[in-house]
Amino acid sequence: MLTRREFIGNSIGLMAAAGTIPAFLGRTCLAVGGRAANDRVLVVIQLSGGNDGLNTVVPYADDIYYNVRPKLAIQRASIVRLTDEVGLHPSLQPFQELYEDGSLAIVQGVGYPNPDRSHFRSMEVWHSGVADGYSSSGWLGRLFDHTCSNGHLPESCTPTLGITVDKTLSPAFTGNSAIGIALDDPERFYRMTRLSGAADVTGDMTGTSNLDFLRRTAMNAQVSADVVRRAADRANSTAEYPSTPFARSLQLIAKLIAGGMDTRVYYTSISGFDTHANQPGRHAQLLKTLADGVAAFNKDLRTNGQADRVLGVTFSEFGRRVNENGSRGTDHGQAAPMFLFGAPVRPGIIGAQPSLADLDRGDLRYHTDFRQVYATVIEKWLQADPLAVLGERFDALPVLG
């Protein structure tokens, strides 16, 4: 039997199934179309594996940093200096330009209470927005549930309000409203929803709720494919991007934004940040991939007149331990910085660099709950109620004008 959870994870099966949905269900699937050009867009970038925040935003003025990382510390001469105390890894040179241009904010010391060093559990916390328990829904899924009245979708709520640029939907989109699609190529997405002779997937589903969910979600994919394809075709961009999968995902997002999609949240990721061994070269390349991709994306948005509409946020499930290990790497830790980028940000560094002299079992202590960032984005940018989404009140941060 195909469960609801298994089905969510299998976007290819979903797309193949779309052609078999009975015609009467079309009446329950809302028309998808372009939205007004002034609608705000959030782009979430997941740095999978646990990014070493200490070598990303570097406390180069602190001698302890060099003492505990004799092999991994970034040398002062190569650091991209932002203040007299902290600077960026040299691979993040493009971020200095964003910083000086007023388009980059850095939130220091981000984490959550009772942190867990498990990739699975910590990512579950970030996806759900729940740190002191478990939730079957994601924070973005609840955002859409709240905005779209818990499944009773008003006309403005369409399947394409959330897009994961990947083969599977991010768990952060899980919610009652079933809003969100996953794609990495508009043309392939279109073809997959129109495969002829697809098997009727309703045969091995049991229960009305699962069946209705399957039908509605599959119809969403079919209807969305037309709109995504048209939006990508409409976009007129000659911007140059690096030849990395991450940069291509941002290029697609920029096309869909310029092409008039109604999407409010895009989600993409870079993997490989679990740097237990031989970290220097690998981490440098990962940060270069991030910075070069974001720089090209921002330039593209400015060229197309979309920059004021778009806010970007990066996160990783945890940072790394303060001391380097014996394999020229770092192990799972706790607090780490987050980047917010784009024309809407209030630039600067928010919060102090966590102390290297007062550690929590060898880890940096967090001082800013990640849900403060979420609450700020929800309220100040997406103009929704953070309490309804997160279930608690969190103080907003001064990162948006």
Protein backbone atom coordinates (compact mmCIF):
# COMPACT_ATOMS: atom_id res chain seq x y z
CA MET A 1 0.00 0.00 0.00
CA LEU A 2 1.31 3.45 -0.93
CA THR A 3 1.17 5.73 2.10
CA ARG A 4 0.70 9.47 2.04
CA ARG A 5 4.29 10.01 3.23
CA GLU A 6 5.72 7.67 0.59
CA PHE A 7 3.73 9.37 -2.09
CA ILE A 8 4.91 12.85 -1.10
CA GLY A 9 8.50 11.72 -1.48
CA ASN A 10 7.95 10.21 -4.91
CA SER A 11 7.42 13.16 -7.18
CA ILE A 12 8.12 11.15 -10.33
CA GLY A 13 5.27 8.81 -9.53
CA LEU A 14 3.09 11.79 -8.85
CA MET A 15 3.79 13.33 -12.20
CA ALA A 16 3.17 10.10 -14.05
CA ALA A 17 -0.13 9.71 -12.26
CA ALA A 18 -1.42 13.14 -13.12
CA GLY A 19 -2.81 12.13 -16.51
CA THR A 20 -5.23 9.64 -14.94
CA ILE A 21 -7.11 12.06 -12.68
CA PRO A 22 -10.86 12.09 -13.35
CA ALA A 23 -12.15 15.22 -15.07
CA PHE A 24 -14.56 16.15 -12.27
CA LEU A 25 -11.60 16.81 -9.96
CA GLY A 26 -10.63 19.69 -12.20
CA ARG A 27 -13.36 21.68 -10.53
CA THR A 28 -11.53 21.41 -7.20
CA CYS A 29 -8.15 22.35 -8.62
CA LEU A 30 -7.77 26.10 -8.86
CA ALA A 31 -6.67 27.84 -12.01
CA VAL A 32 -2.99 28.73 -11.92
CA GLY A 33 -1.83 32.01 -13.35
CA GLY A 34 0.63 34.85 -13.01
CA ARG A 35 0.38 37.17 -10.02
CA ALA A 36 0.97 40.88 -9.68
CA ALA A 37 4.56 41.92 -10.21
CA ASN A 38 4.81 43.45 -6.72
CA ASP A 39 4.25 40.17 -4.86
CA ARG A 40 7.10 39.35 -2.52
CA VAL A 41 9.24 36.26 -3.03
CA LEU A 42 11.31 34.26 -0.54
CA VAL A 43 14.19 32.05 -1.70
CA VAL A 44 15.39 29.50 0.88
CA ILE A 45 18.82 27.92 0.39
CA GLN A 46 19.63 24.81 2.42
CA LEU A 47 23.30 24.07 3.07
CA SER A 48 23.02 20.34 3.73
CA GLY A 49 25.44 18.54 6.01
CA GLY A 50 26.23 21.13 8.67
CA ASN A 51 28.21 24.12 7.43
CA ASP A 52 31.31 25.11 9.40
CA GLY A 53 30.16 28.57 10.42
CA LEU A 54 33.41 29.35 12.20
CA ASN A 55 35.34 29.14 8.91
CA THR A 56 32.55 30.91 7.05
CA VAL A 57 32.25 34.05 9.15
CA VAL A 58 35.71 34.08 10.72
CA PRO A 59 36.57 35.71 14.09
CA TYR A 60 40.05 36.57 12.86
CA ALA A 61 40.79 38.97 15.73
CA ASP A 62 40.43 36.20 18.32
CA ASP A 63 43.68 34.34 19.00
CA ILE A 64 41.73 31.39 20.43
CA TYR A 65 40.46 30.66 16.92
CA TYR A 66 44.01 30.14 15.67
CA ASN A 67 45.01 28.14 18.73
CA VAL A 68 42.22 25.57 18.43
CA ARG A 69 42.47 25.27 14.64
CA PRO A 70 46.16 25.11 13.82
CA LYS A 71 45.54 23.37 10.46
CA LEU A 72 42.10 24.67 9.50
CA ALA A 73 42.11 28.33 10.54
CA ILE A 74 41.80 30.81 7.68
CA GLN A 75 44.91 32.97 7.66
CA ARG A 76 44.37 36.63 8.44
CA ALA A 77 45.95 37.81 5.20
CA SER A 78 43.37 36.01 3.06
CA ILE A 79 40.22 36.87 5.04
CA VAL A 80 37.64 39.13 3.42
CA ARG A 81 37.31 41.61 6.25
CA LEU A 82 33.92 43.06 7.15
CA THR A 83 34.73 44.59 10.55
CA ASP A 84 37.74 44.82 12.83
CA GLU A 85 36.70 41.50 14.39
CA VAL A 86 35.11 39.27 11.77
CA GLY A 87 35.46 38.57 8.09
CA LEU A 88 34.48 36.07 5.43
CA HIS A 89 36.17 32.98 4.04
CA PRO A 90 38.08 34.07 0.90
CA SER A 91 35.73 32.00 -1.28
CA LEU A 92 32.93 34.34 -0.21
CA GLN A 93 34.50 37.38 -1.88
CA PRO A 94 31.28 38.08 -3.86
CA PHE A 95 29.45 38.40 -0.54
CA GLN A 96 31.67 41.33 0.41
CA GLU A 97 30.33 43.16 -2.63
CA LEU A 98 26.77 42.40 -1.54
CA TYR A 99 27.63 43.55 1.98
CA GLU A 100 29.09 46.84 0.79
CA ASP A 101 26.20 47.27 -1.63
CA GLY A 102 23.72 47.02 1.25
CA SER A 103 22.33 43.66 0.14
CA LEU A 104 23.67 41.27 2.78
CA ALA A 105 22.88 40.70 6.44
CA ILE A 106 24.59 38.14 8.66
CA VAL A 107 22.85 36.75 11.74
CA GLN A 108 25.43 35.36 14.14
CA GLY A 109 25.08 32.55 16.67
CA VAL A 110 21.91 30.91 15.34
CA GLY A 111 20.65 27.65 16.81
CA TYR A 112 17.91 26.16 18.97
CA PRO A 113 17.41 24.91 22.56
CA ASN A 114 18.73 21.48 23.51
CA PRO A 115 20.53 21.05 20.18
CA ASP A 116 20.90 17.66 18.56
CA ARG A 117 23.97 16.70 16.52
CA SER A 118 22.07 14.19 14.40
CA HIS A 119 21.65 15.32 10.79
CA PHE A 120 18.19 13.76 10.63
CA ARG A 121 16.86 15.21 13.86
CA SER A 122 18.39 18.65 13.46
CA MET A 123 17.15 19.02 9.89
CA GLU A 124 13.74 17.88 11.08
CA VAL A 125 13.79 20.75 13.60
CA TRP A 126 14.68 23.31 10.95
CA HIS A 127 12.14 21.94 8.45
CA SER A 128 9.30 21.81 10.96
CA GLY A 129 10.11 24.96 12.92
CA VAL A 130 9.47 22.96 16.11
CA ALA A 131 12.43 22.51 18.48
CA ASP A 132 10.87 21.07 21.61
CA GLY A 133 8.86 18.24 20.14
CA TYR A 134 7.85 16.71 16.84
CA SER A 135 5.57 17.90 14.08
CA SER A 136 4.31 16.16 10.96
CA SER A 137 4.07 19.50 9.16
CA GLY A 138 6.71 21.92 7.92
CA TRP A 139 6.93 25.60 8.73
CA LEU A 140 6.29 26.61 5.12
CA GLY A 141 3.44 24.10 4.87
CA ARG A 142 1.82 25.69 7.93
CA LEU A 143 2.41 29.11 6.44
CA PHE A 144 0.39 28.10 3.39
CA ASP A 145 -2.21 26.34 5.55
CA HIS A 146 -2.69 29.55 7.52
CA THR A 147 -2.69 31.79 4.46
CA CYS A 148 -4.99 29.46 2.56
CA SER A 149 -7.40 28.62 5.40
CA ASN A 150 -6.33 25.06 6.20
CA GLY A 151 -7.15 23.46 2.89
CA HIS A 152 -10.13 25.66 1.95
CA LEU A 153 -8.15 27.37 -0.74
CA PRO A 154 -9.17 30.86 -1.82
CA GLU A 155 -8.68 31.80 -5.44
CA SER A 156 -5.27 33.34 -4.74
CA CYS A 157 -3.85 30.03 -3.45
CA THR A 158 -2.49 27.84 -6.21
CA PRO A 159 -0.28 24.73 -6.25
CA THR A 160 2.69 26.78 -7.44
CA LEU A 161 2.82 29.08 -4.39
CA GLY A 162 5.76 26.92 -3.26
CA ILE A 163 8.37 25.35 -5.53
CA THR A 164 11.28 23.11 -4.57
CA VAL A 165 13.91 23.08 -7.31
CA ASP A 166 14.78 19.42 -6.91
CA LYS A 167 13.35 16.02 -7.70
CA THR A 168 11.45 15.83 -4.40
CA LEU A 169 9.52 18.34 -2.35
CA SER A 170 11.22 19.73 0.74
CA PRO A 171 9.66 18.48 4.01
CA ALA A 172 9.37 22.16 4.98
CA PHE A 173 6.38 22.33 2.57
CA THR A 174 4.42 19.52 4.23
CA GLY A 175 0.95 20.73 5.23
CA ASN A 176 -2.79 20.26 4.91
CA SER A 177 -3.21 22.44 1.84
CA ALA A 178 -0.94 20.27 -0.35
CA ILE A 179 0.59 23.39 -1.85
CA GLY A 180 3.99 22.92 -3.41
CA ILE A 181 5.55 21.21 -6.39
CA ALA A 182 9.03 19.84 -7.05
CA LEU A 183 10.80 20.29 -10.37
CA ASP A 184 14.31 20.74 -11.68
CA ASP A 185 13.49 21.29 -15.36
CA PRO A 186 10.24 22.88 -16.64
CA GLU A 187 10.17 20.95 -19.90
CA ARG A 188 10.80 17.59 -18.25
CA PHE A 189 8.22 18.44 -15.59
CA TYR A 190 5.70 19.16 -18.35
CA ARG A 191 6.43 15.90 -20.19
CA MET A 192 6.23 13.81 -17.03
CA THR A 193 2.74 15.06 -16.22
CA ARG A 194 1.56 14.01 -19.66
CA LEU A 195 2.93 10.53 -19.95
CA SER A 196 0.44 8.43 -21.85
CA GLY A 197 -0.74 5.11 -20.54
CA ALA A 198 0.13 5.85 -16.91
CA ALA A 199 -1.22 3.30 -14.47
CA ASP A 200 -4.19 4.31 -12.34
CA VAL A 201 -2.47 4.88 -9.00
CA THR A 202 -5.74 4.89 -7.08
CA GLY A 203 -5.83 1.10 -7.11
CA ASP A 204 -3.37 0.59 -4.29
CA MET A 205 -4.49 3.48 -2.08
CA THR A 206 -6.84 2.84 0.82
CA GLY A 207 -8.98 5.33 2.67
CA THR A 208 -10.85 8.32 1.30
CA SER A 209 -8.45 10.83 2.83
CA ASN A 210 -5.38 9.33 1.13
CA LEU A 211 -7.21 8.95 -2.14
CA ASP A 212 -8.44 12.55 -2.15
CA PHE A 213 -4.96 13.77 -1.25
CA LEU A 214 -3.40 11.77 -4.06
CA ARG A 215 -5.89 12.99 -6.63
CA ARG A 216 -5.65 16.61 -5.59
CA THR A 217 -1.84 16.61 -5.50
CA ALA A 218 -1.55 14.86 -8.85
CA MET A 219 -3.96 17.32 -10.42
CA ASN A 220 -1.89 20.14 -8.95
CA ALA A 221 1.18 18.81 -10.76
CA GLN A 222 -0.63 18.54 -14.09
CA VAL A 223 -2.16 22.02 -13.94
CA SER A 224 1.08 23.56 -12.67
CA ALA A 225 3.18 22.11 -15.49
CA ASP A 226 1.54 24.34 -18.10
CA VAL A 227 2.11 27.48 -16.05
CA VAL A 228 5.71 26.68 -15.17
CA ARG A 229 6.53 25.93 -18.78
CA ARG A 230 4.97 29.19 -20.02
CA ALA A 231 6.71 31.25 -17.34
CA ALA A 232 10.11 29.79 -18.18
CA ASP A 233 9.51 30.47 -21.87
CA ARG A 234 8.43 34.07 -21.20
CA ALA A 235 11.55 34.96 -19.23
CA ASN A 236 13.99 37.00 -21.27
CA SER A 237 17.37 36.68 -19.59
CA THR A 238 20.90 36.61 -20.96
CA ALA A 239 22.52 36.50 -17.52
CA GLU A 240 25.59 34.32 -17.14
CA TYR A 241 25.70 31.77 -14.34
CA PRO A 242 28.40 29.37 -13.16
CA SER A 243 28.06 25.82 -14.50
CA THR A 244 27.04 24.23 -11.20
CA PRO A 245 23.75 22.50 -10.36
CA PHE A 246 23.15 25.07 -7.62
CA ALA A 247 23.67 28.02 -9.97
CA ARG A 248 21.37 26.40 -12.53
CA SER A 249 18.69 26.07 -9.86
CA LEU A 250 18.96 29.80 -9.09
CA GLN A 251 18.90 30.58 -12.81
CA LEU A 252 15.63 28.66 -13.11
CA ILE A 253 14.20 30.50 -10.10
CA ALA A 254 15.17 33.84 -11.64
CA LYS A 255 13.46 32.82 -14.89
CA LEU A 256 10.26 31.83 -13.14
CA ILE A 257 10.20 35.06 -11.15
CA ALA A 258 10.76 37.17 -14.26
CA GLY A 259 8.25 35.03 -16.17
CA GLY A 260 5.38 36.02 -13.88
CA MET A 261 4.95 32.97 -11.67
CA ASP A 262 2.71 33.38 -8.63
CA THR A 263 5.25 31.53 -6.46
CA ARG A 264 5.91 33.08 -3.05
CA VAL A 265 8.55 30.60 -1.81
CA TYR A 266 11.31 28.88 -3.77
CA TYR A 267 13.55 26.29 -2.14
CA THR A 268 16.89 24.93 -3.29
CA SER A 269 19.98 23.40 -1.72
CA ILE A 270 23.69 22.60 -1.85
CA SER A 271 24.88 19.33 -0.34
CA GLY A 272 28.30 18.24 0.90
CA PHE A 273 28.89 20.35 4.02
CA ASP A 274 29.54 17.36 6.31
CA THR A 275 33.29 18.03 6.36
CA HIS A 276 34.71 15.48 8.82
CA ALA A 277 37.93 15.07 6.85
CA ASN A 278 40.07 17.12 4.46
CA GLN A 279 37.86 20.12 4.94
CA PRO A 280 39.88 23.05 3.51
CA GLY A 281 39.61 22.43 -0.22
CA ARG A 282 36.14 20.97 -0.10
CA HIS A 283 34.71 23.72 2.09
CA ALA A 284 36.32 26.40 -0.04
CA GLN A 285 34.68 24.98 -3.17
CA LEU A 286 31.27 24.72 -1.51
CA LEU A 287 31.39 28.33 -0.33
CA LYS A 288 32.52 29.45 -3.78
CA THR A 289 29.57 27.58 -5.29
CA LEU A 290 27.24 29.39 -2.89
CA ALA A 291 28.71 32.87 -3.36
CA ASP A 292 29.14 32.75 -7.13
CA GLY A 293 25.62 31.41 -7.60
CA VAL A 294 24.03 34.01 -5.35
CA ALA A 295 26.02 36.82 -6.97
CA ALA A 296 24.85 35.79 -10.46
CA PHE A 297 21.28 35.45 -9.19
CA ASN A 298 21.26 38.93 -7.69
CA LYS A 299 22.71 40.44 -10.84
CA ASP A 300 20.04 38.68 -12.89
CA LEU A 301 17.27 39.98 -10.64
CA ARG A 302 18.55 43.55 -10.93
CA THR A 303 18.78 43.30 -14.71
CA ASN A 304 15.17 42.08 -14.90
CA GLY A 305 13.85 44.66 -12.46
CA GLN A 306 12.90 42.02 -9.88
CA ALA A 307 15.46 42.70 -7.14
CA ASP A 308 13.13 44.60 -4.81
CA ARG A 309 10.72 41.64 -4.75
CA VAL A 310 13.15 38.94 -3.65
CA LEU A 311 14.63 38.03 -0.27
CA GLY A 312 17.08 35.14 0.10
CA VAL A 313 17.89 33.16 3.27
CA THR A 314 20.50 30.47 3.85
CA PHE A 315 20.57 27.90 6.65
CA SER A 316 22.33 24.71 7.67
CA GLU A 317 21.17 22.14 10.21
CA PHE A 318 24.04 22.92 12.57
CA GLY A 319 27.55 24.31 12.70
CA ARG A 320 30.74 22.40 13.47
CA ARG A 321 32.71 21.90 16.68
CA VAL A 322 35.22 24.57 17.61
CA ASN A 323 38.29 22.33 17.75
CA GLU A 324 39.45 20.72 14.54
CA ASN A 325 39.65 16.92 14.57
CA GLY A 326 42.59 14.68 13.67
CA SER A 327 41.52 14.30 10.03
CA ARG A 328 41.85 17.95 8.98
CA GLY A 329 38.13 18.32 9.44
CA THR A 330 35.46 19.25 11.94
CA ASP A 331 32.69 17.30 13.63
CA HIS A 332 29.04 18.11 14.26
CA GLY A 333 28.48 21.18 16.41
CA GLN A 334 25.80 23.72 17.26
CA ALA A 335 25.54 27.44 16.51
CA ALA A 336 26.30 28.91 13.10
CA PRO A 337 25.56 32.07 11.10
CA MET A 338 22.74 32.61 8.62
CA PHE A 339 22.87 34.88 5.59
CA LEU A 340 19.98 37.02 4.37
CA PHE A 341 20.53 38.64 0.99
CA GLY A 342 18.79 40.83 -1.53
CA ALA A 343 17.67 44.41 -1.98
CA PRO A 344 15.09 44.24 0.87
CA VAL A 345 17.59 43.48 3.66
CA ARG A 346 18.89 45.91 6.23
CA PRO A 347 22.62 45.22 5.84
CA GLY A 348 25.01 44.47 8.65
CA ILE A 349 25.93 41.90 11.26
CA ILE A 350 23.21 40.99 13.73
CA GLY A 351 24.38 39.65 17.09
CA ALA A 352 27.83 39.06 18.50
CA GLN A 353 30.20 36.33 17.46
CA PRO A 354 29.66 33.51 20.00
CA SER A 355 32.46 33.32 22.55
CA LEU A 356 35.31 30.90 21.91
CA ALA A 357 36.17 30.98 25.60
CA ASP A 358 32.71 29.95 26.89
CA LEU A 359 31.70 26.80 25.06
CA ASP A 360 28.90 24.29 25.49
CA ARG A 361 30.66 20.88 25.59
CA GLY A 362 33.08 22.06 22.92
CA ASP A 363 30.48 23.85 20.80
CA LEU A 364 29.62 27.47 20.19
CA ARG A 365 26.63 28.54 22.28
CA TYR A 366 23.73 29.87 20.28
CA HIS A 367 22.17 33.19 21.27
CA THR A 368 19.61 33.62 18.49
CA ASP A 369 16.82 31.08 18.02
CA PHE A 370 16.43 30.22 14.32
CA ARG A 371 12.71 30.78 14.73
CA GLN A 372 13.42 34.46 15.28
CA VAL A 373 14.66 34.52 11.69
CA TYR A 374 11.59 32.59 10.54
CA ALA A 375 9.27 34.89 12.49
CA THR A 376 10.96 37.96 11.00
CA VAL A 377 10.60 36.61 7.47
CA ILE A 378 6.99 35.53 8.02
CA GLU A 379 5.85 38.82 9.52
CA LYS A 380 8.06 41.47 7.94
CA TRP A 381 8.43 39.98 4.48
CA LEU A 382 5.60 37.54 3.77
CA GLN A 383 3.18 39.59 5.90
CA ALA A 384 1.62 36.67 7.74
CA ASP A 385 1.15 35.91 11.44
CA PRO A 386 4.22 34.15 12.92
CA LEU A 387 2.23 32.91 15.93
CA ALA A 388 -0.18 31.04 13.66
CA VAL A 389 2.74 29.38 11.87
CA LEU A 390 5.26 28.77 14.66
CA GLY A 391 2.90 28.36 17.61
CA GLU A 392 4.99 30.70 19.78
CA ARG A 393 6.00 34.33 19.84
CA PHE A 394 9.57 35.15 18.80
CA ASP A 395 11.16 38.57 18.73
CA ALA A 396 11.77 39.90 15.24
CA LEU A 397 15.30 40.75 14.19
CA PRO A 398 16.38 44.08 12.63
CA VAL A 399 17.28 42.56 9.27
CA LEU A 400 14.45 43.94 7.14
CA GLY A 401 13.56 47.55 6.56
